[in-house]
């Protein structure tokens, strides 16, 4: 975890509320729903990369990962992370979310896999459908990100409530699927040199603070 309120206290708050709601309203999902708060993300996704490598059984059976790591704004975009059939199951899960929450969310399918930037990338590299719930910035990158202005008063709770609803419903719908969703990966476009695109590899985490 980090100390900032928008980076990423907002994600932590939202996921705590997701857990509270699901426990109260839908306490017996078909699959276990885990909340992940990994450390050392800024230093190279070390926490989530360690989790992926240290827990192969969990990773192999993970239905989907939803990542809230964009600050305090309302989710506005979901990228399919390069999974060919993401349009199918993401659309089905989103259809169960109130229209007021989803009406302004843009989707991009199949999208492209993320090789870094936030913790969902560690799961994408392992072939797990993992999605960044990208949100409005509210000046996040220009005014508060990684500064001493990243404080509690910057939180936009109306937007966070929408993010909680979206994540809770999608997590529950994903947990209720009869089988693991299709993990087929798209053929990636060639790079500038004409070489075939390559899916991001699993990377070794840095497990020591020596040298930081």
N, C-alpha and C. Protein backbone atom coordinates (compact mmCIF):
# COMPACT_ATOMS: atom_id res chain seq x y z
N UNK A 1 0.83 -1.20 0.00
CA UNK A 1 0.00 0.00 0.00
C UNK A 1 0.87 1.25 0.00
N UNK A 2 0.31 2.33 -0.50
CA UNK A 2 1.01 3.59 -0.49
C UNK A 2 0.28 4.55 0.45
N UNK A 3 0.93 5.64 0.80
CA UNK A 3 0.37 6.52 1.81
C UNK A 3 -0.61 7.55 1.25
N UNK A 4 -0.59 7.77 -0.06
CA UNK A 4 -1.45 8.80 -0.63
C UNK A 4 -2.92 8.45 -0.56
N UNK A 5 -3.76 9.49 -0.49
CA UNK A 5 -5.20 9.26 -0.40
C UNK A 5 -5.79 8.88 -1.76
N UNK A 6 -5.34 9.54 -2.83
CA UNK A 6 -5.85 9.17 -4.15
C UNK A 6 -5.00 8.06 -4.77
N UNK A 7 -3.73 8.01 -4.43
CA UNK A 7 -2.84 6.95 -4.92
C UNK A 7 -2.20 6.23 -3.73
N UNK A 8 -2.83 5.12 -3.23
CA UNK A 8 -4.08 4.60 -3.77
C UNK A 8 -5.03 4.33 -2.61
N UNK A 9 -5.16 5.30 -1.73
CA UNK A 9 -6.15 5.15 -0.68
C UNK A 9 -7.55 4.97 -1.23
N UNK A 10 -7.83 5.57 -2.39
CA UNK A 10 -9.17 5.43 -2.98
C UNK A 10 -9.46 3.98 -3.37
N UNK A 11 -8.47 3.33 -3.96
CA UNK A 11 -8.65 1.94 -4.33
C UNK A 11 -8.84 1.06 -3.12
N UNK A 12 -8.09 1.34 -2.07
CA UNK A 12 -8.21 0.57 -0.82
C UNK A 12 -9.58 0.76 -0.19
N UNK A 13 -10.03 2.01 -0.10
CA UNK A 13 -11.34 2.31 0.47
C UNK A 13 -12.44 1.61 -0.33
N UNK A 14 -12.35 1.73 -1.67
CA UNK A 14 -13.38 1.13 -2.53
C UNK A 14 -13.44 -0.38 -2.35
N UNK A 15 -12.29 -1.04 -2.30
CA UNK A 15 -12.29 -2.49 -2.19
C UNK A 15 -12.74 -2.96 -0.80
N UNK A 16 -12.45 -2.19 0.23
CA UNK A 16 -12.97 -2.51 1.56
C UNK A 16 -14.50 -2.44 1.57
N UNK A 17 -15.05 -1.46 0.87
CA UNK A 17 -16.51 -1.32 0.81
C UNK A 17 -17.12 -2.42 -0.05
N UNK A 18 -16.43 -2.80 -1.14
CA UNK A 18 -16.88 -3.93 -1.95
C UNK A 18 -16.98 -5.18 -1.09
N UNK A 19 -15.94 -5.43 -0.28
CA UNK A 19 -15.93 -6.62 0.58
C UNK A 19 -17.07 -6.56 1.60
N UNK A 20 -17.31 -5.38 2.17
CA UNK A 20 -18.38 -5.24 3.17
C UNK A 20 -19.74 -5.53 2.55
N UNK A 21 -19.99 -4.98 1.37
CA UNK A 21 -21.28 -5.16 0.71
C UNK A 21 -21.50 -6.61 0.32
N UNK A 22 -20.50 -7.23 -0.29
CA UNK A 22 -20.66 -8.61 -0.72
C UNK A 22 -20.86 -9.55 0.47
N UNK A 23 -20.16 -9.28 1.55
CA UNK A 23 -20.32 -10.12 2.73
C UNK A 23 -21.72 -9.99 3.31
N UNK A 24 -22.28 -8.79 3.22
CA UNK A 24 -23.59 -8.54 3.80
C UNK A 24 -24.72 -9.01 2.88
N UNK A 25 -24.59 -8.77 1.58
CA UNK A 25 -25.71 -8.99 0.65
C UNK A 25 -25.61 -10.34 -0.06
N UNK A 26 -24.40 -10.72 -0.45
CA UNK A 26 -24.19 -11.96 -1.21
C UNK A 26 -23.04 -12.74 -0.58
N UNK A 27 -23.27 -13.29 0.60
CA UNK A 27 -22.17 -13.85 1.40
C UNK A 27 -21.66 -15.21 0.94
N UNK A 28 -22.32 -15.85 -0.01
CA UNK A 28 -21.93 -17.21 -0.40
C UNK A 28 -21.71 -17.33 -1.91
N UNK A 29 -20.70 -16.64 -2.44
CA UNK A 29 -20.44 -16.74 -3.88
C UNK A 29 -19.94 -18.13 -4.25
N UNK A 30 -20.10 -18.48 -5.51
CA UNK A 30 -19.67 -19.79 -5.99
C UNK A 30 -18.16 -19.94 -5.87
N UNK A 31 -17.44 -18.86 -6.13
CA UNK A 31 -15.98 -18.85 -6.02
C UNK A 31 -15.55 -17.87 -4.94
N UNK A 32 -14.37 -18.10 -4.40
CA UNK A 32 -13.82 -17.17 -3.42
C UNK A 32 -13.48 -15.84 -4.10
N UNK A 33 -13.83 -14.75 -3.46
CA UNK A 33 -13.49 -13.42 -3.94
C UNK A 33 -12.39 -12.86 -3.05
N UNK A 34 -11.22 -12.60 -3.63
CA UNK A 34 -10.08 -12.09 -2.88
C UNK A 34 -9.90 -10.60 -3.14
N UNK A 35 -9.51 -9.88 -2.10
CA UNK A 35 -9.13 -8.47 -2.23
C UNK A 35 -7.61 -8.40 -2.12
N UNK A 36 -6.95 -7.88 -3.14
CA UNK A 36 -5.49 -7.82 -3.12
C UNK A 36 -4.98 -6.40 -2.94
N UNK A 37 -4.16 -6.19 -1.92
CA UNK A 37 -3.51 -4.90 -1.68
C UNK A 37 -2.01 -5.17 -1.60
N UNK A 38 -1.32 -5.05 -2.73
CA UNK A 38 0.08 -5.42 -2.78
C UNK A 38 1.00 -4.23 -2.60
N UNK A 39 2.10 -4.47 -1.88
CA UNK A 39 3.09 -3.43 -1.67
C UNK A 39 4.10 -3.38 -2.82
N UNK A 40 4.91 -2.33 -2.82
CA UNK A 40 6.02 -2.17 -3.77
C UNK A 40 5.56 -2.15 -5.22
N UNK A 41 4.36 -1.64 -5.46
CA UNK A 41 3.88 -1.52 -6.84
C UNK A 41 4.71 -0.50 -7.60
N UNK A 42 4.99 0.62 -6.96
CA UNK A 42 5.72 1.70 -7.62
C UNK A 42 7.16 1.31 -7.94
N UNK A 43 7.69 0.33 -7.23
CA UNK A 43 9.08 -0.08 -7.44
C UNK A 43 9.21 -1.21 -8.47
N UNK A 44 8.13 -1.57 -9.14
CA UNK A 44 8.21 -2.60 -10.16
C UNK A 44 7.21 -3.72 -9.99
N UNK A 45 6.01 -3.41 -9.47
CA UNK A 45 4.95 -4.42 -9.29
C UNK A 45 5.45 -5.61 -8.47
N UNK A 46 6.34 -5.36 -7.52
CA UNK A 46 7.00 -6.46 -6.81
C UNK A 46 6.04 -7.31 -5.99
N UNK A 47 5.07 -6.68 -5.36
CA UNK A 47 4.12 -7.43 -4.54
C UNK A 47 3.26 -8.37 -5.37
N UNK A 48 2.66 -7.86 -6.44
CA UNK A 48 1.77 -8.70 -7.26
C UNK A 48 2.56 -9.72 -8.06
N UNK A 49 3.75 -9.37 -8.52
CA UNK A 49 4.58 -10.35 -9.23
C UNK A 49 4.97 -11.49 -8.30
N UNK A 50 5.26 -11.17 -7.05
CA UNK A 50 5.58 -12.21 -6.07
C UNK A 50 4.38 -13.11 -5.83
N UNK A 51 3.20 -12.50 -5.71
CA UNK A 51 1.98 -13.28 -5.48
C UNK A 51 1.74 -14.26 -6.62
N UNK A 52 1.88 -13.78 -7.86
CA UNK A 52 1.64 -14.63 -9.02
C UNK A 52 2.60 -15.82 -9.03
N UNK A 53 3.86 -15.58 -8.73
CA UNK A 53 4.85 -16.66 -8.76
C UNK A 53 4.72 -17.59 -7.55
N UNK A 54 4.30 -17.05 -6.41
CA UNK A 54 4.25 -17.84 -5.18
C UNK A 54 2.95 -18.62 -5.02
N UNK A 55 1.93 -18.30 -5.82
CA UNK A 55 0.62 -18.93 -5.66
C UNK A 55 0.09 -19.45 -6.99
N UNK A 56 0.78 -20.39 -7.60
CA UNK A 56 0.36 -20.87 -8.93
C UNK A 56 -1.02 -21.51 -8.94
N UNK A 57 -1.40 -22.19 -7.86
CA UNK A 57 -2.72 -22.83 -7.83
C UNK A 57 -3.84 -21.79 -7.84
N UNK A 58 -3.64 -20.72 -7.07
CA UNK A 58 -4.64 -19.65 -7.04
C UNK A 58 -4.72 -18.98 -8.41
N UNK A 59 -3.57 -18.66 -8.97
CA UNK A 59 -3.52 -17.96 -10.26
C UNK A 59 -4.16 -18.80 -11.35
N UNK A 60 -3.87 -20.08 -11.37
CA UNK A 60 -4.41 -20.97 -12.40
C UNK A 60 -5.93 -21.00 -12.38
N UNK A 61 -6.51 -20.83 -11.21
CA UNK A 61 -7.96 -20.92 -11.07
C UNK A 61 -8.63 -19.56 -10.87
N UNK A 62 -7.91 -18.50 -11.13
CA UNK A 62 -8.48 -17.16 -11.00
C UNK A 62 -9.36 -16.85 -12.21
N UNK A 63 -10.60 -16.50 -11.93
CA UNK A 63 -11.55 -16.19 -13.00
C UNK A 63 -11.21 -14.87 -13.67
N UNK A 64 -11.03 -13.82 -12.88
CA UNK A 64 -10.76 -12.49 -13.43
C UNK A 64 -10.20 -11.61 -12.31
N UNK A 65 -9.50 -10.58 -12.72
CA UNK A 65 -8.95 -9.59 -11.80
C UNK A 65 -9.44 -8.22 -12.23
N UNK A 66 -9.92 -7.43 -11.26
CA UNK A 66 -10.35 -6.06 -11.53
C UNK A 66 -9.48 -5.12 -10.70
N UNK A 67 -8.87 -4.16 -11.36
CA UNK A 67 -7.89 -3.30 -10.70
C UNK A 67 -8.37 -1.85 -10.63
N UNK A 68 -8.45 -1.31 -9.43
CA UNK A 68 -8.77 0.10 -9.22
C UNK A 68 -7.50 0.81 -8.75
N UNK A 69 -6.86 1.56 -9.64
CA UNK A 69 -5.60 2.22 -9.29
C UNK A 69 -5.43 3.52 -10.06
N UNK A 70 -6.52 4.24 -10.25
CA UNK A 70 -6.44 5.48 -11.03
C UNK A 70 -6.85 6.72 -10.27
N UNK A 71 -6.84 6.65 -8.95
CA UNK A 71 -7.25 7.83 -8.22
C UNK A 71 -8.72 7.85 -7.90
N UNK A 72 -9.25 9.04 -7.69
CA UNK A 72 -10.56 9.18 -7.08
C UNK A 72 -11.72 9.27 -8.07
N UNK A 73 -11.45 9.27 -9.37
CA UNK A 73 -12.52 9.49 -10.34
C UNK A 73 -13.37 8.28 -10.62
N UNK A 74 -14.50 8.51 -11.26
CA UNK A 74 -15.41 7.45 -11.68
C UNK A 74 -14.80 6.66 -12.83
N UNK A 75 -14.99 5.34 -12.81
CA UNK A 75 -14.48 4.50 -13.89
C UNK A 75 -15.12 4.94 -15.20
N UNK A 76 -14.27 5.14 -16.22
CA UNK A 76 -14.77 5.60 -17.52
C UNK A 76 -14.35 4.70 -18.68
N UNK A 77 -13.47 3.73 -18.43
CA UNK A 77 -12.96 2.93 -19.55
C UNK A 77 -12.50 1.56 -19.06
N UNK A 78 -12.80 0.53 -19.85
CA UNK A 78 -12.33 -0.82 -19.57
C UNK A 78 -11.75 -1.39 -20.85
N UNK A 79 -10.50 -1.80 -20.78
CA UNK A 79 -9.78 -2.38 -21.91
C UNK A 79 -9.78 -3.89 -21.76
N UNK A 80 -10.00 -4.61 -22.84
CA UNK A 80 -10.07 -6.07 -22.78
C UNK A 80 -8.75 -6.77 -22.54
N UNK A 81 -7.66 -6.03 -22.39
CA UNK A 81 -6.34 -6.56 -22.05
C UNK A 81 -5.83 -7.61 -23.03
N UNK A 82 -6.37 -7.64 -24.24
CA UNK A 82 -5.86 -8.55 -25.25
C UNK A 82 -6.50 -9.93 -25.24
N UNK A 83 -7.53 -10.13 -24.44
CA UNK A 83 -8.21 -11.42 -24.40
C UNK A 83 -9.35 -11.42 -25.42
N UNK A 84 -9.29 -12.35 -26.35
CA UNK A 84 -10.17 -12.35 -27.52
C UNK A 84 -11.64 -12.31 -27.14
N UNK A 85 -12.02 -13.06 -26.13
CA UNK A 85 -13.44 -13.18 -25.78
C UNK A 85 -13.86 -12.28 -24.62
N UNK A 86 -13.01 -11.32 -24.26
CA UNK A 86 -13.34 -10.42 -23.16
C UNK A 86 -14.64 -9.68 -23.41
N UNK A 87 -14.92 -9.37 -24.69
CA UNK A 87 -16.16 -8.66 -25.03
C UNK A 87 -17.38 -9.41 -24.53
N UNK A 88 -17.30 -10.74 -24.55
CA UNK A 88 -18.44 -11.57 -24.17
C UNK A 88 -18.69 -11.50 -22.67
N UNK A 89 -17.70 -11.90 -21.89
CA UNK A 89 -17.98 -11.98 -20.46
C UNK A 89 -17.98 -10.62 -19.76
N UNK A 90 -17.15 -9.69 -20.20
CA UNK A 90 -17.19 -8.35 -19.60
C UNK A 90 -18.56 -7.70 -19.88
N UNK A 91 -19.05 -7.86 -21.09
CA UNK A 91 -20.35 -7.28 -21.43
C UNK A 91 -21.47 -7.90 -20.61
N UNK A 92 -21.42 -9.21 -20.41
CA UNK A 92 -22.45 -9.88 -19.61
C UNK A 92 -22.41 -9.42 -18.17
N UNK A 93 -21.21 -9.31 -17.61
CA UNK A 93 -21.10 -8.88 -16.21
C UNK A 93 -21.55 -7.43 -16.05
N UNK A 94 -21.17 -6.58 -17.02
CA UNK A 94 -21.55 -5.17 -16.93
C UNK A 94 -23.05 -5.00 -17.09
N UNK A 95 -23.72 -5.90 -17.81
CA UNK A 95 -25.16 -5.77 -18.02
C UNK A 95 -25.94 -5.89 -16.72
N UNK A 96 -25.31 -6.47 -15.69
CA UNK A 96 -25.98 -6.62 -14.40
C UNK A 96 -25.78 -5.39 -13.51
N UNK A 97 -24.94 -4.46 -13.95
CA UNK A 97 -24.67 -3.24 -13.19
C UNK A 97 -25.71 -2.19 -13.56
N UNK A 98 -26.19 -1.38 -12.61
CA UNK A 98 -27.14 -0.33 -12.94
C UNK A 98 -26.66 0.56 -14.08
N UNK A 99 -27.56 0.89 -14.98
CA UNK A 99 -27.21 1.69 -16.15
C UNK A 99 -26.62 3.04 -15.76
N UNK A 100 -27.07 3.60 -14.65
CA UNK A 100 -26.53 4.88 -14.20
C UNK A 100 -25.03 4.82 -13.96
N UNK A 101 -24.54 3.62 -13.63
CA UNK A 101 -23.11 3.43 -13.36
C UNK A 101 -22.34 3.19 -14.65
N UNK A 102 -22.92 2.46 -15.58
CA UNK A 102 -22.19 2.03 -16.77
C UNK A 102 -22.39 2.90 -18.02
N UNK A 103 -23.36 3.79 -18.02
CA UNK A 103 -23.77 4.47 -19.25
C UNK A 103 -22.63 5.29 -19.90
N UNK A 104 -21.68 5.75 -19.13
CA UNK A 104 -20.60 6.56 -19.69
C UNK A 104 -19.27 5.80 -19.78
N UNK A 105 -19.30 4.51 -19.50
CA UNK A 105 -18.07 3.71 -19.56
C UNK A 105 -17.84 3.24 -20.99
N UNK A 106 -16.67 3.53 -21.51
CA UNK A 106 -16.28 3.09 -22.85
C UNK A 106 -15.47 1.80 -22.72
N UNK A 107 -15.73 0.86 -23.62
CA UNK A 107 -14.99 -0.39 -23.61
C UNK A 107 -14.18 -0.52 -24.90
N UNK A 108 -13.08 -1.24 -24.80
CA UNK A 108 -12.21 -1.47 -25.96
C UNK A 108 -11.85 -2.95 -25.99
N UNK A 109 -12.35 -3.66 -26.99
CA UNK A 109 -12.11 -5.10 -27.11
C UNK A 109 -11.48 -5.43 -28.47
N UNK A 110 -10.54 -6.35 -28.54
CA UNK A 110 -10.00 -7.07 -27.39
C UNK A 110 -9.01 -6.26 -26.57
N UNK A 111 -8.64 -5.09 -27.05
CA UNK A 111 -7.69 -4.28 -26.32
C UNK A 111 -6.28 -4.86 -26.43
N UNK A 112 -5.42 -4.37 -25.59
CA UNK A 112 -4.03 -4.81 -25.60
C UNK A 112 -3.56 -5.15 -24.19
N UNK A 113 -2.68 -6.15 -24.06
CA UNK A 113 -2.18 -6.50 -22.73
C UNK A 113 -1.23 -5.44 -22.20
N UNK A 114 -1.33 -5.18 -20.92
CA UNK A 114 -0.43 -4.23 -20.29
C UNK A 114 0.80 -4.95 -19.76
N UNK A 115 1.97 -4.43 -20.08
CA UNK A 115 3.20 -5.05 -19.60
C UNK A 115 3.68 -4.49 -18.29
N UNK A 116 3.03 -3.45 -17.79
CA UNK A 116 3.44 -2.83 -16.53
C UNK A 116 2.48 -1.73 -16.16
N UNK A 117 2.87 -0.91 -15.21
CA UNK A 117 2.04 0.24 -14.85
C UNK A 117 1.19 0.03 -13.64
N UNK A 118 0.58 -1.15 -13.50
CA UNK A 118 -0.23 -1.42 -12.32
C UNK A 118 -0.37 -2.93 -12.14
N UNK A 119 -0.88 -3.34 -10.97
CA UNK A 119 -0.77 -4.73 -10.55
C UNK A 119 -1.54 -5.74 -11.40
N UNK A 120 -2.55 -5.31 -12.13
CA UNK A 120 -3.24 -6.27 -12.99
C UNK A 120 -2.31 -6.85 -14.04
N UNK A 121 -1.26 -6.09 -14.40
CA UNK A 121 -0.32 -6.53 -15.43
C UNK A 121 0.38 -7.82 -15.04
N UNK A 122 0.61 -8.03 -13.75
CA UNK A 122 1.27 -9.26 -13.30
C UNK A 122 0.42 -10.47 -13.63
N UNK A 123 -0.90 -10.32 -13.55
CA UNK A 123 -1.82 -11.42 -13.85
C UNK A 123 -1.99 -11.60 -15.35
N UNK A 124 -2.04 -10.50 -16.09
CA UNK A 124 -2.12 -10.59 -17.55
C UNK A 124 -0.94 -11.39 -18.09
N UNK A 125 0.25 -11.13 -17.56
CA UNK A 125 1.44 -11.85 -18.00
C UNK A 125 1.30 -13.35 -17.77
N UNK A 126 0.55 -13.74 -16.74
CA UNK A 126 0.32 -15.15 -16.42
C UNK A 126 -0.87 -15.73 -17.18
N UNK A 127 -1.46 -14.94 -18.07
CA UNK A 127 -2.58 -15.42 -18.88
C UNK A 127 -3.93 -15.31 -18.21
N UNK A 128 -4.02 -14.57 -17.12
CA UNK A 128 -5.28 -14.40 -16.39
C UNK A 128 -6.01 -13.16 -16.91
N UNK A 129 -7.29 -13.26 -17.25
CA UNK A 129 -8.04 -12.07 -17.64
C UNK A 129 -8.05 -11.05 -16.50
N UNK A 130 -7.30 -9.99 -16.68
CA UNK A 130 -7.16 -8.97 -15.64
C UNK A 130 -7.35 -7.61 -16.28
N UNK A 131 -8.14 -6.76 -15.63
CA UNK A 131 -8.60 -5.54 -16.29
C UNK A 131 -8.42 -4.32 -15.40
N UNK A 132 -7.88 -3.29 -16.00
CA UNK A 132 -7.76 -2.00 -15.34
C UNK A 132 -9.09 -1.26 -15.47
N UNK A 133 -9.68 -0.89 -14.35
CA UNK A 133 -10.89 -0.08 -14.36
C UNK A 133 -10.44 1.38 -14.35
N UNK A 134 -10.19 1.91 -15.53
CA UNK A 134 -9.58 3.23 -15.68
C UNK A 134 -10.60 4.33 -15.41
N UNK A 135 -10.17 5.33 -14.66
CA UNK A 135 -11.13 6.33 -14.20
C UNK A 135 -10.76 7.75 -14.60
N UNK A 136 -11.72 8.64 -14.43
CA UNK A 136 -11.48 10.07 -14.62
C UNK A 136 -10.35 10.52 -13.70
N UNK A 137 -9.54 11.45 -14.17
CA UNK A 137 -8.35 11.79 -13.39
C UNK A 137 -8.59 12.83 -12.29
N UNK A 138 -9.56 13.72 -12.48
CA UNK A 138 -9.78 14.80 -11.51
C UNK A 138 -8.47 15.50 -11.14
N UNK A 139 -7.62 15.73 -12.13
CA UNK A 139 -6.34 16.39 -11.86
C UNK A 139 -5.34 15.51 -11.15
N UNK A 140 -5.63 14.24 -11.09
CA UNK A 140 -4.80 13.29 -10.34
C UNK A 140 -3.34 13.34 -10.77
N UNK A 141 -3.09 13.26 -12.09
CA UNK A 141 -1.72 13.19 -12.57
C UNK A 141 -1.01 14.54 -12.52
N UNK A 142 -1.77 15.63 -12.60
CA UNK A 142 -1.13 16.94 -12.66
C UNK A 142 -1.04 17.63 -11.31
N UNK A 143 -1.93 17.29 -10.36
CA UNK A 143 -1.97 18.05 -9.11
C UNK A 143 -1.62 17.27 -7.85
N UNK A 144 -1.96 15.98 -7.81
CA UNK A 144 -1.79 15.26 -6.53
C UNK A 144 -0.86 14.07 -6.60
N UNK A 145 -0.71 13.47 -7.76
CA UNK A 145 0.00 12.20 -7.90
C UNK A 145 1.43 12.30 -7.40
N UNK A 146 1.77 11.50 -6.39
CA UNK A 146 3.12 11.43 -5.84
C UNK A 146 3.60 12.76 -5.27
N UNK A 147 2.68 13.50 -4.68
CA UNK A 147 3.05 14.75 -4.03
C UNK A 147 2.45 14.78 -2.63
N UNK A 148 2.86 15.78 -1.84
CA UNK A 148 2.30 15.92 -0.50
C UNK A 148 0.90 16.53 -0.52
N UNK A 149 0.34 16.76 -1.72
CA UNK A 149 -1.05 17.22 -1.85
C UNK A 149 -2.02 16.05 -2.00
N UNK A 150 -1.48 14.83 -1.99
CA UNK A 150 -2.30 13.64 -2.20
C UNK A 150 -2.98 13.26 -0.88
N UNK A 151 -3.99 14.05 -0.53
CA UNK A 151 -4.61 13.95 0.79
C UNK A 151 -6.10 13.63 0.72
N UNK A 152 -6.65 13.30 1.88
CA UNK A 152 -8.02 12.81 2.02
C UNK A 152 -9.06 13.77 1.43
N UNK A 153 -8.81 15.06 1.52
CA UNK A 153 -9.80 16.02 1.04
C UNK A 153 -9.97 16.02 -0.47
N UNK A 154 -9.10 15.34 -1.20
CA UNK A 154 -9.21 15.26 -2.67
C UNK A 154 -10.17 14.16 -3.12
N UNK A 155 -10.63 13.32 -2.20
CA UNK A 155 -11.48 12.20 -2.58
C UNK A 155 -12.86 12.68 -3.04
N UNK A 156 -13.35 12.09 -4.13
CA UNK A 156 -14.68 12.41 -4.67
C UNK A 156 -15.57 11.20 -4.37
N UNK A 157 -16.27 11.25 -3.26
CA UNK A 157 -16.98 10.07 -2.78
C UNK A 157 -18.15 9.65 -3.67
N UNK A 158 -18.79 10.59 -4.36
CA UNK A 158 -19.86 10.20 -5.27
C UNK A 158 -19.32 9.29 -6.37
N UNK A 159 -18.15 9.60 -6.87
CA UNK A 159 -17.54 8.76 -7.90
C UNK A 159 -17.10 7.42 -7.31
N UNK A 160 -16.56 7.43 -6.11
CA UNK A 160 -16.10 6.19 -5.49
C UNK A 160 -17.27 5.24 -5.24
N UNK A 161 -18.43 5.78 -4.92
CA UNK A 161 -19.61 4.93 -4.72
C UNK A 161 -19.96 4.19 -6.01
N UNK A 162 -19.88 4.88 -7.13
CA UNK A 162 -20.13 4.23 -8.42
C UNK A 162 -19.12 3.12 -8.68
N UNK A 163 -17.86 3.38 -8.34
CA UNK A 163 -16.81 2.38 -8.55
C UNK A 163 -17.03 1.15 -7.69
N UNK A 164 -17.53 1.37 -6.48
CA UNK A 164 -17.82 0.25 -5.58
C UNK A 164 -18.94 -0.61 -6.18
N UNK A 165 -20.00 0.02 -6.65
CA UNK A 165 -21.13 -0.72 -7.24
C UNK A 165 -20.65 -1.53 -8.43
N UNK A 166 -19.90 -0.88 -9.34
CA UNK A 166 -19.40 -1.55 -10.53
C UNK A 166 -18.55 -2.77 -10.17
N UNK A 167 -17.61 -2.58 -9.27
CA UNK A 167 -16.67 -3.65 -8.93
C UNK A 167 -17.36 -4.78 -8.18
N UNK A 168 -18.25 -4.44 -7.26
CA UNK A 168 -18.94 -5.47 -6.49
C UNK A 168 -19.79 -6.36 -7.40
N UNK A 169 -20.53 -5.74 -8.30
CA UNK A 169 -21.41 -6.52 -9.18
C UNK A 169 -20.59 -7.38 -10.13
N UNK A 170 -19.56 -6.80 -10.73
CA UNK A 170 -18.76 -7.56 -11.69
C UNK A 170 -18.01 -8.70 -11.02
N UNK A 171 -17.49 -8.45 -9.83
CA UNK A 171 -16.78 -9.51 -9.11
C UNK A 171 -17.73 -10.66 -8.78
N UNK A 172 -18.94 -10.31 -8.35
CA UNK A 172 -19.90 -11.36 -8.02
C UNK A 172 -20.32 -12.13 -9.27
N UNK A 173 -20.60 -11.42 -10.36
CA UNK A 173 -21.02 -12.11 -11.59
C UNK A 173 -19.89 -13.01 -12.11
N UNK A 174 -18.67 -12.55 -12.01
CA UNK A 174 -17.54 -13.38 -12.42
C UNK A 174 -17.43 -14.63 -11.56
N UNK A 175 -17.70 -14.48 -10.28
CA UNK A 175 -17.60 -15.62 -9.36
C UNK A 175 -18.67 -16.67 -9.63
N UNK A 176 -19.77 -16.27 -10.24
CA UNK A 176 -20.89 -17.17 -10.46
C UNK A 176 -20.85 -17.88 -11.82
N UNK A 177 -19.87 -17.58 -12.64
CA UNK A 177 -19.76 -18.25 -13.93
C UNK A 177 -19.66 -19.77 -13.72
N UNK A 178 -20.28 -20.56 -14.59
CA UNK A 178 -20.23 -22.01 -14.42
C UNK A 178 -18.85 -22.61 -14.63
N UNK A 179 -17.99 -21.94 -15.40
CA UNK A 179 -16.64 -22.43 -15.64
C UNK A 179 -15.72 -21.24 -15.84
N UNK A 180 -14.41 -21.49 -15.87
CA UNK A 180 -13.48 -20.41 -16.14
C UNK A 180 -13.75 -19.83 -17.53
N UNK A 181 -13.69 -18.52 -17.63
CA UNK A 181 -13.94 -17.88 -18.92
C UNK A 181 -12.79 -18.15 -19.87
N UNK A 182 -13.06 -17.95 -21.15
CA UNK A 182 -12.07 -18.21 -22.18
C UNK A 182 -10.88 -17.26 -22.05
N UNK A 183 -9.67 -17.82 -22.09
CA UNK A 183 -8.45 -17.02 -21.91
C UNK A 183 -7.65 -16.85 -23.20
N UNK A 184 -8.28 -17.12 -24.33
CA UNK A 184 -7.55 -17.00 -25.59
C UNK A 184 -6.99 -15.59 -25.75
N UNK A 185 -5.73 -15.52 -26.16
CA UNK A 185 -5.06 -14.24 -26.32
C UNK A 185 -5.03 -13.83 -27.79
N UNK A 186 -5.18 -12.56 -28.03
CA UNK A 186 -5.18 -12.06 -29.40
C UNK A 186 -3.78 -12.17 -30.02
N UNK A 187 -3.73 -12.16 -31.34
CA UNK A 187 -2.46 -12.02 -32.05
C UNK A 187 -2.09 -10.55 -32.01
N UNK A 188 -0.94 -10.25 -31.44
CA UNK A 188 -0.55 -8.85 -31.27
C UNK A 188 0.06 -8.30 -32.55
N UNK A 189 -0.14 -7.02 -32.84
CA UNK A 189 0.43 -6.42 -34.04
C UNK A 189 1.95 -6.41 -33.99
N UNK A 190 2.56 -6.37 -35.16
CA UNK A 190 4.02 -6.33 -35.24
C UNK A 190 4.55 -5.01 -34.68
N UNK A 191 5.79 -5.05 -34.20
CA UNK A 191 6.40 -3.83 -33.68
C UNK A 191 6.94 -2.99 -34.84
N UNK A 192 7.62 -1.92 -34.54
CA UNK A 192 8.09 -0.99 -35.57
C UNK A 192 9.11 -1.62 -36.51
N UNK A 193 9.78 -2.67 -36.01
CA UNK A 193 10.77 -3.36 -36.83
C UNK A 193 10.17 -4.51 -37.62
N UNK A 194 8.85 -4.68 -37.52
CA UNK A 194 8.18 -5.75 -38.25
C UNK A 194 8.21 -7.09 -37.56
N UNK A 195 8.73 -7.14 -36.34
CA UNK A 195 8.77 -8.39 -35.60
C UNK A 195 7.40 -8.66 -34.97
N UNK A 196 6.98 -9.94 -34.92
CA UNK A 196 5.66 -10.26 -34.34
C UNK A 196 5.54 -9.76 -32.90
N UNK A 197 4.37 -9.27 -32.55
CA UNK A 197 4.14 -8.84 -31.18
C UNK A 197 4.22 -10.01 -30.22
N UNK A 198 4.71 -9.77 -29.04
CA UNK A 198 4.90 -10.81 -28.03
C UNK A 198 4.10 -10.46 -26.78
N UNK A 199 3.37 -11.44 -26.24
CA UNK A 199 2.63 -11.24 -24.99
C UNK A 199 3.61 -10.90 -23.87
N UNK A 200 3.27 -9.97 -22.98
CA UNK A 200 4.19 -9.61 -21.89
C UNK A 200 4.57 -10.84 -21.07
N UNK A 201 5.84 -11.02 -20.77
CA UNK A 201 6.27 -12.20 -20.01
C UNK A 201 6.09 -12.00 -18.50
N UNK A 202 6.04 -13.12 -17.78
CA UNK A 202 6.09 -13.06 -16.32
C UNK A 202 7.47 -12.59 -15.92
N UNK A 203 7.54 -11.61 -15.06
CA UNK A 203 8.84 -11.06 -14.64
C UNK A 203 9.10 -11.38 -13.16
N UNK A 204 10.36 -11.55 -12.86
CA UNK A 204 10.76 -11.81 -11.49
C UNK A 204 10.63 -10.53 -10.66
N UNK A 205 10.07 -10.64 -9.46
CA UNK A 205 9.98 -9.48 -8.60
C UNK A 205 11.31 -9.21 -7.90
N UNK A 206 11.45 -8.04 -7.42
CA UNK A 206 12.59 -7.71 -6.55
C UNK A 206 12.13 -7.91 -5.12
N UNK A 207 12.77 -8.83 -4.42
CA UNK A 207 12.30 -9.24 -3.09
C UNK A 207 13.13 -8.66 -1.96
N UNK A 208 13.98 -7.71 -2.26
CA UNK A 208 14.81 -7.09 -1.23
C UNK A 208 14.80 -5.59 -1.43
N UNK A 209 14.87 -4.86 -0.34
CA UNK A 209 14.93 -3.40 -0.41
C UNK A 209 16.33 -2.87 -0.57
N UNK A 210 17.29 -3.76 -0.65
CA UNK A 210 18.69 -3.33 -0.81
C UNK A 210 18.86 -2.60 -2.13
N UNK A 211 19.43 -1.42 -2.06
CA UNK A 211 19.70 -0.67 -3.27
C UNK A 211 18.67 0.38 -3.61
N UNK A 212 17.50 0.37 -2.92
CA UNK A 212 16.49 1.39 -3.20
C UNK A 212 16.90 2.69 -2.57
